C-alpha cells in the first residue's frame, strides 16, 4: 500500500460548503472527492489536455452537435465513393 500523508488545507468556508455538498451528492467523502479532483487535474496536465471545453457540459453540447450538417462520424463524399 502506498504511503499516505495527512495535511491541513486552508479553504474559504463557502468553497468548503460547496465541495462538501458536491461530494455528498456523489456519495463520497470530501477526502475522496478532493483526491479524485487532484488526480483528474494532474492527469490532464501530464497528458497535455487543453481545457477549452472545461466548463461545457456534454448535455449542453449535444443539441449543437445534432444541428451540424456535416456530422463527425459520417463518411465524406470521397469516402462514400471509395467504401460504398
C-alpha atoms as a PDB file:
ATOM      1  CA  UNK A   1       0.000   0.000   0.000  1.00  0.00           C
ATOM      2  CA  UNK A   2       1.248   3.492  -0.758  1.00  0.00           C
ATOM      3  CA  UNK A   3       2.233   5.878   1.981  1.00  0.00           C
ATOM      4  CA  UNK A   4      -0.470   8.387   2.974  1.00  0.00           C
ATOM      5  CA  UNK A   5       0.308  11.941   4.063  1.00  0.00           C
ATOM      6  CA  UNK A   6      -2.110  13.733   6.362  1.00  0.00           C
ATOM      7  CA  UNK A   7      -2.148  17.505   5.979  1.00  0.00           C
ATOM      8  CA  UNK A   8      -4.252  20.565   6.722  1.00  0.00           C
ATOM      9  CA  UNK A   9      -5.943  22.524   3.963  1.00  0.00           C
ATOM     10  CA  UNK A  10      -6.986  26.148   4.325  1.00  0.00           C
ATOM     11  CA  UNK A  11     -10.048  26.923   2.278  1.00  0.00           C
ATOM     12  CA  UNK A  12     -12.768  29.563   2.392  1.00  0.00           C
ATOM     13  CA  UNK A  13     -15.969  28.467   4.116  1.00  0.00           C
ATOM     14  CA  UNK A  14     -18.149  29.000   1.031  1.00  0.00           C
ATOM     15  CA  UNK A  15     -15.816  26.814  -1.047  1.00  0.00           C
ATOM     16  CA  UNK A  16     -15.740  24.178   1.695  1.00  0.00           C
ATOM     17  CA  UNK A  17     -19.527  24.002   1.829  1.00  0.00           C
ATOM     18  CA  UNK A  18     -19.733  23.689  -1.938  1.00  0.00           C
ATOM     19  CA  UNK A  19     -17.110  20.917  -2.027  1.00  0.00           C
ATOM     20  CA  UNK A  20     -18.797  19.125   0.858  1.00  0.00           C
ATOM     21  CA  UNK A  21     -22.157  19.303  -0.925  1.00  0.00           C
ATOM     22  CA  UNK A  22     -20.739  18.105  -4.237  1.00  0.00           C
ATOM     23  CA  UNK A  23     -19.019  15.165  -2.556  1.00  0.00           C
ATOM     24  CA  UNK A  24     -22.210  14.223  -0.724  1.00  0.00           C
ATOM     25  CA  UNK A  25     -24.221  14.360  -3.956  1.00  0.00           C
ATOM     26  CA  UNK A  26     -21.744  11.905  -5.480  1.00  0.00           C
ATOM     27  CA  UNK A  27     -21.934   9.686  -2.409  1.00  0.00           C
ATOM     28  CA  UNK A  28     -18.308  10.074  -1.389  1.00  0.00           C
ATOM     29  CA  UNK A  29     -16.280  11.656   1.364  1.00  0.00           C
ATOM     30  CA  UNK A  30     -14.716  15.079   0.965  1.00  0.00           C
ATOM     31  CA  UNK A  31     -11.296  13.430   1.182  1.00  0.00           C
ATOM     32  CA  UNK A  32     -12.073  11.036  -1.667  1.00  0.00           C
ATOM     33  CA  UNK A  33     -13.627  13.850  -3.728  1.00  0.00           C
ATOM     34  CA  UNK A  34     -10.585  16.141  -3.357  1.00  0.00           C
ATOM     35  CA  UNK A  35      -8.199  13.273  -4.161  1.00  0.00           C
ATOM     36  CA  UNK A  36     -10.242  12.476  -7.270  1.00  0.00           C
ATOM     37  CA  UNK A  37     -10.095  16.125  -8.372  1.00  0.00           C
ATOM     38  CA  UNK A  38      -6.332  16.231  -7.837  1.00  0.00           C
ATOM     39  CA  UNK A  39      -5.835  13.047  -9.879  1.00  0.00           C
ATOM     40  CA  UNK A  40      -8.072  14.346 -12.665  1.00  0.00           C
ATOM     41  CA  UNK A  41      -6.265  17.689 -12.914  1.00  0.00           C
ATOM     42  CA  UNK A  42      -2.756  16.250 -12.704  1.00  0.00           C
ATOM     43  CA  UNK A  43      -3.557  13.561 -15.272  1.00  0.00           C
ATOM     44  CA  UNK A  44      -4.888  16.153 -17.731  1.00  0.00           C
ATOM     45  CA  UNK A  45      -1.792  18.309 -17.244  1.00  0.00           C
ATOM     46  CA  UNK A  46       0.502  15.323 -17.767  1.00  0.00           C
ATOM     47  CA  UNK A  47      -1.345  14.375 -20.949  1.00  0.00           C
ATOM     48  CA  UNK A  48      -1.327  17.964 -22.188  1.00  0.00           C
ATOM     49  CA  UNK A  49      -5.106  18.199 -22.338  1.00  0.00           C
ATOM     50  CA  UNK A  50      -6.328  21.654 -23.341  1.00  0.00           C
ATOM     51  CA  UNK A  51      -9.135  22.813 -21.058  1.00  0.00           C
ATOM     52  CA  UNK A  52     -11.002  24.934 -23.620  1.00  0.00           C
ATOM     53  CA  UNK A  53     -14.126  22.893 -23.009  1.00  0.00           C
ATOM     54  CA  UNK A  54     -13.687  22.696 -19.253  1.00  0.00           C
ATOM     55  CA  UNK A  55     -16.967  24.434 -18.432  1.00  0.00           C
ATOM     56  CA  UNK A  56     -19.011  22.864 -21.214  1.00  0.00           C
ATOM     57  CA  UNK A  57     -21.401  20.149 -20.167  1.00  0.00           C
ATOM     58  CA  UNK A  58     -21.967  17.325 -22.640  1.00  0.00           C
ATOM     59  CA  UNK A  59     -25.711  17.803 -22.219  1.00  0.00           C
ATOM     60  CA  UNK A  60     -25.393  21.435 -23.332  1.00  0.00           C
ATOM     61  CA  UNK A  61     -23.271  20.491 -26.354  1.00  0.00           C
ATOM     62  CA  UNK A  62     -25.363  17.580 -27.691  1.00  0.00           C
ATOM     63  CA  UNK A  63     -28.137  19.768 -29.177  1.00  0.00           C
ATOM     64  CA  UNK A  64     -25.473  21.802 -31.015  1.00  0.00           C
ATOM     65  CA  UNK A  65     -23.959  18.606 -32.408  1.00  0.00           C
ATOM     66  CA  UNK A  66     -27.387  17.447 -33.608  1.00  0.00           C
ATOM     67  CA  UNK A  67     -27.760  20.631 -35.693  1.00  0.00           C
ATOM     68  CA  UNK A  68     -24.431  20.235 -37.532  1.00  0.00           C
ATOM     69  CA  UNK A  69     -24.968  19.316 -41.185  1.00  0.00           C
ATOM     70  CA  UNK A  70     -21.611  17.553 -41.691  1.00  0.00           C
ATOM     71  CA  UNK A  71     -21.699  15.421 -38.560  1.00  0.00           C
ATOM     72  CA  UNK A  72     -18.486  13.790 -37.390  1.00  0.00           C
ATOM     73  CA  UNK A  73     -18.670  10.067 -37.941  1.00  0.00           C
ATOM     74  CA  UNK A  74     -20.381  10.264 -41.336  1.00  0.00           C
ATOM     75  CA  UNK A  75     -18.436   9.336 -44.424  1.00  0.00           C
ATOM     76  CA  UNK A  76     -17.141  12.186 -46.524  1.00  0.00           C
ATOM     77  CA  UNK A  77     -18.141  12.364 -50.192  1.00  0.00           C
ATOM     78  CA  UNK A  78     -14.796  10.809 -51.176  1.00  0.00           C
ATOM     79  CA  UNK A  79     -15.178   8.035 -48.612  1.00  0.00           C
ATOM     80  CA  UNK A  80     -18.691   7.298 -49.909  1.00  0.00           C
ATOM     81  CA  UNK A  81     -17.191   6.647 -53.370  1.00  0.00           C
ATOM     82  CA  UNK A  82     -14.341   4.542 -52.014  1.00  0.00           C
ATOM     83  CA  UNK A  83     -16.159   2.498 -49.363  1.00  0.00           C
ATOM     84  CA  UNK A  84     -19.756   2.370 -50.573  1.00  0.00           C
END
